[in-house]
Amino acid sequence: MSHNSHESGQSSRKRLLWFIALWLLGVGGTALLVLPFHLLIAAAMHH
């Protein structure tokens, strides 16, 4: 029984790590998409 619960713990941990990795990838991708627009707006406001 302990072997089975250990496997389920590993599975949930792996799922959590995948969730965090994909979330960070999404946040990073969004930041990279927004950055050029942010720089354009900042340059337009400066001039």
C-alpha atoms as a PDB file:
ATOM      1  CA  MET A   1       0.000   0.000   0.000  1.00  0.00           C
ATOM      2  CA  SER A   2       2.809   2.471   0.756  1.00  0.00           C
ATOM      3  CA  HIS A   3       4.281   1.821  -2.690  1.00  0.00           C
ATOM      4  CA  ASN A   4       1.003   2.810  -4.359  1.00  0.00           C
ATOM      5  CA  SER A   5       0.641   6.015  -2.321  1.00  0.00           C
ATOM      6  CA  HIS A   6       4.270   6.873  -3.078  1.00  0.00           C
ATOM      7  CA  GLU A   7       3.571   6.588  -6.811  1.00  0.00           C
ATOM      8  CA  SER A   8       0.508   8.805  -6.573  1.00  0.00           C
ATOM      9  CA  GLY A   9       2.560  11.360  -4.642  1.00  0.00           C
ATOM     10  CA  GLN A  10       5.207  11.362  -7.354  1.00  0.00           C
ATOM     11  CA  SER A  11       2.521  11.718 -10.021  1.00  0.00           C
ATOM     12  CA  SER A  12       0.867  14.699  -8.342  1.00  0.00           C
ATOM     13  CA  ARG A  13       4.258  16.326  -7.752  1.00  0.00           C
ATOM     14  CA  LYS A  14       5.170  15.874 -11.420  1.00  0.00           C
ATOM     15  CA  ARG A  15       1.792  17.303 -12.451  1.00  0.00           C
ATOM     16  CA  LEU A  16       2.347  20.313 -10.169  1.00  0.00           C
ATOM     17  CA  LEU A  17       5.816  20.901 -11.607  1.00  0.00           C
ATOM     18  CA  TRP A  18       4.403  20.750 -15.148  1.00  0.00           C
ATOM     19  CA  PHE A  19       1.692  23.216 -14.189  1.00  0.00           C
ATOM     20  CA  ILE A  20       4.247  25.652 -12.741  1.00  0.00           C
ATOM     21  CA  ALA A  21       6.564  25.269 -15.741  1.00  0.00           C
ATOM     22  CA  LEU A  22       3.772  25.876 -18.252  1.00  0.00           C
ATOM     23  CA  TRP A  23       2.441  28.807 -16.216  1.00  0.00           C
ATOM     24  CA  LEU A  24       5.889  30.420 -16.146  1.00  0.00           C
ATOM     25  CA  LEU A  25       6.249  29.801 -19.874  1.00  0.00           C
ATOM     26  CA  GLY A  26       2.905  31.501 -20.483  1.00  0.00           C
ATOM     27  CA  VAL A  27       3.812  34.485 -18.312  1.00  0.00           C
ATOM     28  CA  GLY A  28       7.206  34.797 -20.012  1.00  0.00           C
ATOM     29  CA  GLY A  29       5.692  34.533 -23.475  1.00  0.00           C
ATOM     30  CA  THR A  30       3.102  37.164 -22.642  1.00  0.00           C
ATOM     31  CA  ALA A  31       5.789  39.482 -21.298  1.00  0.00           C
ATOM     32  CA  LEU A  32       7.815  39.063 -24.499  1.00  0.00           C
ATOM     33  CA  LEU A  33       4.742  39.830 -26.611  1.00  0.00           C
ATOM     34  CA  VAL A  34       3.856  42.937 -24.572  1.00  0.00           C
ATOM     35  CA  LEU A  35       7.401  44.303 -24.266  1.00  0.00           C
ATOM     36  CA  PRO A  36       7.681  45.841 -27.787  1.00  0.00           C
ATOM     37  CA  PHE A  37       4.333  47.617 -27.350  1.00  0.00           C
ATOM     38  CA  HIS A  38       5.389  48.856 -23.930  1.00  0.00           C
ATOM     39  CA  LEU A  39       8.634  50.225 -25.379  1.00  0.00           C
ATOM     40  CA  LEU A  40       6.785  51.889 -28.274  1.00  0.00           C
ATOM     41  CA  ILE A  41       4.368  53.586 -25.888  1.00  0.00           C
ATOM     42  CA  ALA A  42       7.208  54.663 -23.593  1.00  0.00           C
ATOM     43  CA  ALA A  43       9.118  56.117 -26.585  1.00  0.00           C
ATOM     44  CA  ALA A  44       5.984  57.921 -27.828  1.00  0.00           C
ATOM     45  CA  MET A  45       5.339  59.410 -24.378  1.00  0.00           C
ATOM     46  CA  HIS A  46       8.957  60.529 -24.074  1.00  0.00           C
ATOM     47  CA  HIS A  47       8.971  62.518 -27.339  1.00  0.00           C
END
